[in-house]
Each structure stands twice: as C-alpha cells, then as structure tokens.
Protein backbone atom coordinates (compact mmCIF):
# COMPACT_ATOMS: atom_id res chain seq x y z
CA MET A 1 0.10 0.14 0.20
CA PHE A 2 1.13 4.10 -0.72
CA SER A 3 1.87 5.34 2.17
CA ARG A 4 0.06 8.79 3.16
CA SER A 5 2.42 11.39 1.75
CA THR A 6 2.69 9.10 -1.17
CA VAL A 7 -0.93 8.89 -1.86
CA ALA A 8 -1.40 13.02 -1.38
CA ALA A 9 1.77 13.46 -3.68
CA LEU A 10 -0.42 11.53 -6.48
CA ALA A 11 -3.83 13.54 -5.74
CA LEU A 12 -1.52 16.32 -6.08
CA LEU A 13 0.11 15.33 -9.49
CA VAL A 14 -3.55 14.38 -10.43
CA ALA A 15 -4.68 17.80 -9.35
CA VAL A 16 -2.61 19.75 -11.76
CA PRO A 17 -3.44 20.13 -15.28
CA ALA A 18 -1.01 19.50 -18.62
CA GLN A 19 1.41 22.58 -18.88
CA ALA A 20 -0.35 24.30 -21.95
CA GLU A 21 2.06 24.42 -24.98
CA THR A 22 2.73 27.01 -27.23
CA ILE A 23 1.83 25.75 -30.60
CA ARG A 24 3.62 27.58 -33.52
CA VAL A 25 1.57 27.82 -36.52
CA GLY A 26 2.67 28.86 -40.04
CA MET A 27 0.48 30.44 -43.25
CA SER A 28 1.62 32.77 -45.93
CA GLY A 29 -0.59 35.30 -44.63
CA GLY A 30 -1.61 36.00 -48.33
CA TYR A 31 -4.13 33.19 -49.38
CA PHE A 32 -7.64 34.58 -49.34
CA PRO A 33 -9.92 33.30 -47.30
CA PHE A 34 -8.18 31.19 -46.04
CA THR A 35 -5.50 33.10 -44.00
CA PHE A 36 -4.67 36.84 -45.12
CA VAL A 37 -3.96 39.99 -43.58
CA LYS A 38 -6.80 43.06 -43.56
CA GLN A 39 -6.12 46.53 -41.62
CA ASP A 40 -2.84 44.70 -40.16
CA VAL A 41 -5.25 41.59 -38.63
CA LEU A 42 -4.64 38.04 -39.46
CA GLN A 43 -7.77 36.30 -40.17
CA GLY A 44 -9.53 33.85 -41.97
CA PHE A 45 -10.67 30.14 -42.39
CA GLU A 46 -7.36 28.84 -41.00
CA VAL A 47 -6.49 30.73 -38.53
CA ASP A 48 -10.37 30.20 -37.00
CA VAL A 49 -9.32 26.67 -37.28
CA ALA A 50 -6.05 27.02 -35.81
CA ARG A 51 -7.85 28.79 -32.70
CA ALA A 52 -10.73 26.44 -32.27
CA ILE A 53 -8.20 23.60 -32.27
CA VAL A 54 -6.22 24.91 -28.99
CA GLU A 55 -9.41 25.81 -27.35
CA GLN A 56 -9.75 22.27 -27.18
CA THR A 57 -6.51 20.83 -26.69
CA GLY A 58 -5.65 24.10 -24.24
CA ASP A 59 -2.91 25.01 -25.59
CA ASP A 60 -1.72 28.83 -26.45
CA VAL A 61 -1.14 29.39 -30.40
CA GLU A 62 1.71 31.49 -32.24
CA PHE A 63 1.15 32.88 -35.69
CA VAL A 64 4.33 32.76 -38.19
CA THR A 65 3.74 34.34 -41.42
CA MET A 66 6.49 33.87 -44.33
CA SER A 67 6.12 33.46 -47.97
CA PHE A 68 4.43 29.92 -48.54
CA SER A 69 7.12 29.00 -50.42
CA GLY A 70 9.18 28.93 -47.14
CA LEU A 71 6.85 27.06 -44.70
CA ILE A 72 7.86 23.40 -45.54
CA GLY A 73 11.54 24.14 -45.48
CA ALA A 74 10.27 26.20 -41.70
CA LEU A 75 9.07 23.12 -40.50
CA GLU A 76 12.02 20.63 -41.22
CA ALA A 77 13.82 23.09 -39.42
CA GLY A 78 11.85 23.05 -36.46
CA ARG A 79 11.30 26.68 -36.64
CA ILE A 80 7.31 26.34 -37.11
CA ASP A 81 5.23 23.09 -35.44
CA THR A 82 2.86 22.93 -38.34
CA VAL A 83 1.79 24.55 -41.45
CA ALA A 84 -1.88 25.54 -41.80
CA ASN A 85 -2.39 27.57 -45.39
CA GLN A 86 -4.41 24.05 -47.58
CA ILE A 87 -1.31 22.05 -47.73
CA THR A 88 -2.73 19.37 -49.50
CA ILE A 89 -1.40 15.50 -48.75
CA THR A 90 0.56 13.86 -51.16
CA PRO A 91 1.96 10.37 -51.11
CA GLU A 92 5.70 12.28 -51.26
CA ARG A 93 4.79 14.35 -48.38
CA GLU A 94 3.33 11.59 -46.15
CA GLN A 95 6.90 10.22 -46.63
CA LYS A 96 8.06 13.39 -44.72
CA PHE A 97 6.01 14.42 -42.12
CA THR A 98 3.10 12.98 -40.21
CA PHE A 99 -0.74 14.59 -41.07
CA SER A 100 -3.52 14.66 -39.03
CA GLN A 101 -6.96 13.94 -40.36
CA PRO A 102 -8.13 15.87 -43.77
CA TYR A 103 -10.09 18.39 -42.30
CA VAL A 104 -10.85 20.43 -45.95
CA TYR A 105 -11.53 18.83 -49.10
CA ASP A 106 -11.68 20.56 -52.87
CA GLY A 107 -10.60 20.40 -55.75
CA ALA A 108 -8.35 21.80 -58.23
CA GLN A 109 -9.55 24.87 -60.48
CA VAL A 110 -8.61 26.40 -64.04
CA VAL A 111 -9.24 29.94 -63.52
CA VAL A 112 -8.70 32.68 -66.66
CA LYS A 113 -9.57 35.89 -67.77
CA ALA A 114 -13.06 36.99 -68.38
CA GLY A 115 -13.67 36.50 -71.87
CA ASN A 116 -11.56 34.01 -72.73
CA ALA A 117 -12.83 31.38 -75.13
CA GLU A 118 -10.02 29.59 -75.31
CA ILE A 119 -9.74 27.94 -72.41
CA SER A 120 -12.83 26.05 -71.26
CA GLY A 121 -11.46 23.33 -68.76
CA VAL A 122 -7.59 21.61 -68.32
CA GLU A 123 -7.72 20.15 -71.49
CA ASP A 124 -7.15 23.58 -72.91
CA LEU A 125 -3.89 24.05 -71.24
CA LYS A 126 -1.68 22.28 -74.05
CA GLY A 127 0.61 25.53 -75.61
CA LYS A 128 -0.57 28.09 -73.04
CA SER A 129 1.57 29.40 -70.18
CA VAL A 130 -0.02 28.69 -66.17
CA ALA A 131 0.46 30.09 -63.40
CA VAL A 132 0.75 28.37 -59.71
CA ASN A 133 2.03 29.54 -56.57
CA LEU A 134 5.44 27.99 -55.73
CA GLY A 135 6.11 25.38 -53.25
CA SER A 136 2.65 24.31 -53.96
CA ASN A 137 0.78 21.13 -55.47
CA PHE A 138 -0.63 22.20 -58.03
CA GLU A 139 2.74 21.89 -60.24
CA ALA A 140 2.61 18.00 -59.41
CA LEU A 141 -1.10 17.98 -60.93
CA LEU A 142 -0.42 19.76 -63.85
CA ARG A 143 2.79 17.82 -64.50
CA GLU A 144 0.79 14.32 -64.04
CA LEU A 145 -1.12 15.44 -66.98
CA PRO A 146 -0.42 13.55 -70.02
CA TYR A 147 0.06 16.44 -71.81
CA ALA A 148 2.50 18.39 -69.24
CA ASP A 149 5.51 19.20 -71.60
CA GLU A 150 3.16 20.95 -73.46
CA ILE A 151 2.21 23.40 -70.90
CA GLN A 152 4.78 26.38 -69.41
CA ILE A 153 4.09 26.36 -65.83
CA LYS A 154 5.20 29.18 -64.49
CA THR A 155 5.47 29.79 -60.37
CA TYR A 156 4.75 32.76 -58.21
CA ASP A 157 5.12 33.78 -54.21
CA SER A 158 1.19 35.69 -55.64
CA ASN A 159 -0.75 37.29 -57.26
CA LEU A 160 -1.61 34.59 -59.73
CA GLU A 161 -5.10 36.57 -60.50
CA GLN A 162 -3.11 39.73 -61.22
CA GLU A 163 -1.03 37.79 -64.34
CA THR A 164 -3.82 36.38 -65.22
CA ALA A 165 -6.01 39.37 -65.54
CA LEU A 166 -2.99 41.63 -67.26
CA GLY A 167 -2.30 38.30 -69.56
CA ARG A 168 1.29 37.81 -68.78
CA VAL A 169 -0.33 34.59 -68.56
CA ASP A 170 -2.93 32.17 -69.68
CA ALA A 171 -4.21 31.02 -66.61
CA PHE A 172 -3.37 30.08 -63.21
CA VAL A 173 -4.85 27.13 -61.41
CA MET A 174 -5.33 26.51 -57.30
CA ASP A 175 -8.49 25.42 -54.93
CA ARG A 176 -11.80 25.72 -56.37
CA VAL A 177 -12.73 27.25 -53.46
CA SER A 178 -10.87 30.06 -52.94
CA ALA A 179 -10.64 30.73 -56.51
CA SER A 180 -14.58 30.91 -55.99
CA GLN A 181 -13.53 33.37 -53.39
CA VAL A 182 -10.91 35.72 -55.01
CA ILE A 183 -13.67 35.81 -58.38
CA LYS A 184 -16.16 36.81 -55.88
CA GLU A 185 -14.16 39.23 -53.99
CA THR A 186 -11.51 40.56 -56.79
CA PRO A 187 -12.38 43.61 -59.02
CA LEU A 188 -10.27 41.93 -61.54
CA PRO A 189 -12.05 40.63 -64.48
CA LEU A 190 -11.76 36.36 -63.63
CA ALA A 191 -13.52 33.49 -64.48
CA LEU A 192 -14.06 29.80 -63.58
CA ALA A 193 -12.85 27.05 -66.44
CA GLY A 194 -14.61 24.10 -66.03
CA SER A 195 -14.59 21.79 -62.96
CA PRO A 196 -12.18 20.47 -60.93
CA PHE A 197 -9.57 17.76 -62.34
CA SER A 198 -8.47 16.84 -59.19
CA GLU A 199 -9.53 16.57 -55.95
CA ILE A 200 -7.61 17.09 -52.89
CA ARG A 201 -7.63 16.36 -49.52
CA ASN A 202 -5.90 19.44 -46.48
CA ALA A 203 -4.86 18.63 -43.28
CA LEU A 204 -1.78 19.97 -40.67
CA PRO A 205 1.75 17.86 -41.07
CA PHE A 206 3.49 18.45 -38.40
CA ARG A 207 7.57 16.45 -38.00
CA SER A 208 7.48 12.80 -37.71
CA ASP A 209 9.46 12.56 -35.08
CA GLU A 210 8.09 11.74 -31.39
CA ASP A 211 7.33 15.18 -30.80
CA GLY A 212 6.04 15.78 -33.96
CA LYS A 213 3.92 12.68 -33.88
CA ALA A 214 2.24 13.30 -30.26
CA LEU A 215 1.69 16.46 -31.45
CA ALA A 216 -0.24 15.39 -34.40
CA ALA A 217 -2.15 12.94 -32.35
CA LYS A 218 -3.60 15.06 -29.99
CA VAL A 219 -4.29 17.77 -32.63
CA ASP A 220 -6.12 14.89 -34.59
CA VAL A 221 -8.24 13.98 -31.12
CA ALA A 222 -9.22 17.70 -30.83
CA ILE A 223 -10.62 18.26 -35.29
CA THR A 224 -12.57 15.11 -34.61
CA GLU A 225 -14.22 17.08 -31.65
CA LEU A 226 -14.63 20.13 -33.22
CA LYS A 227 -16.22 17.94 -36.55
CA GLN A 228 -18.18 15.93 -33.81
CA SER A 229 -19.49 19.24 -32.17
CA GLY A 230 -20.08 21.30 -35.83
CA LYS A 231 -17.64 23.91 -34.93
CA LEU A 232 -15.43 23.03 -37.85
CA ALA A 233 -18.55 23.26 -40.53
CA GLU A 234 -19.48 26.77 -38.47
CA ILE A 235 -16.32 28.24 -39.23
CA SER A 236 -16.49 26.71 -42.97
CA GLU A 237 -19.77 28.36 -43.00
CA LYS A 238 -17.90 31.23 -41.99
CA TRP A 239 -16.10 32.03 -44.53
CA PHE A 240 -17.46 30.18 -47.38
CA GLY A 241 -21.37 29.96 -47.25
CA ALA A 242 -20.85 25.95 -47.53
CA ASP A 243 -19.18 22.96 -45.56
CA ILE A 244 -15.96 21.95 -47.08
CA THR A 245 -14.93 20.24 -44.19
CA LYS A 246 -16.19 16.87 -45.05
CA ALA A 247 -16.34 14.32 -48.27
CA ASP A 248 -18.89 14.39 -50.51
C-alpha cells in the first residue's frame, strides 16, 4: 500500500493540469480567404481553425507568417510546429511528415481572364502558360497530366490573379474554393474554366519525430471533436457559405 504522503503527492499530480504548450503555426497570410491580412489583422479560415483547435487542447497558438514557398522548410527546420495554409496530402509529403486527418476537401481549378474562349477546362491548357503558387501541389498536379510537356508552368509567390488578368499568363490553378472566393471579392475580370480536375485533401503536417507525432495525435483528437460538435462546419460556413470540411 502507498503511504499517506505518497497518496497525497499522487493526488496533487492529478490535480495539476498539464502545462499548456505554444503551438507555432506557419502560414503565408496571403491566401484569401484561408489566411490573409486585412487592416493589419491576420485572419481567415485557417486562423479560426487553429484557434478552435487550441481551445480544445488547452494550448496557446503563435502564428508565424512567411512566404508560402518557405513554410515546409521552416517546418523541417523546427522553426514552426505545423503549417495551416491549405496543405495538400501527397505521397511525397507523407514520407516526410505525420499528417492530421483531413479537414478540407476541395479540387484543383483552372481560372482564366473573363471572356477567354480558348480555355474551357484543364484539357485546353496545351500550349498555354499557367501560373501556380511556388511550393504548392498544383505544379505537381499539372505535371501529372499526359500533355504536361505542352504546358508552360510558371511559379509565383503571389498575385496569380493579377498575372492572369493582365494577360501575362493564360491561366492559373488553385483550389476551387479559394478561386471562387477570389473571383467574388476581386475587381479583376476572372472566371472559372470548367470543373475541378483533381480532388485534394488538406490537413496539418507535423514532423515525424516523437514530439511531432505526439502533437499530431493531440491535434487530431481536437479536429474530431470540432467535427462532432459542428464547430468546424460553423467556421467553414462563416468563410465560404458552405461546409468544405467533409467529403461528399
């Protein structure tokens, strides 16, 4: 049997809550409406989701913004703990990182300057110049097309819509949800071209060391709770007017 002093010590340990961690979440702050800055305030779907997650886990969150192309490298180097910037699960990334469960289901979408009758979908990109975000999965999706060698792919850190509207490229590719919101909010003359040509699942990546896997497991529980409570769907409805957090 335990002595009275030992029992008292164990009771004290049980009574003391686990110390809160600060989860460093990397994002670009330039991918409307997922993560963007307005009036010097970082906001968006990813920001709200991250805050909801730490409310569930009892942790704190620190947002770290940088160019999208530097986010994965920052995660690998340990400067951040995860990336919340519409990160698509791919076989290559799964070899490097431990992912949470998907919390966004979307598709790759071609966007053109309004009135462009030459491009009505992904099959019309042959012989055209197409912009994608540097470091995104959309370049890889285009290179998987059977006619990829006929597409001139250009990478940018931002301003895909401006490059397309000004005619510097023929089209750009991003996820359909973001593309629809950009078209809705921007004064630039842009239009969706056809239907999404590839399903994508977005999740939070973590390093595959012991600490990273433990954090991924904790966050995964929180995401499940947010789905079950309806909070995740509520955040999605706020930003998109639809629930993009579950598969069709």
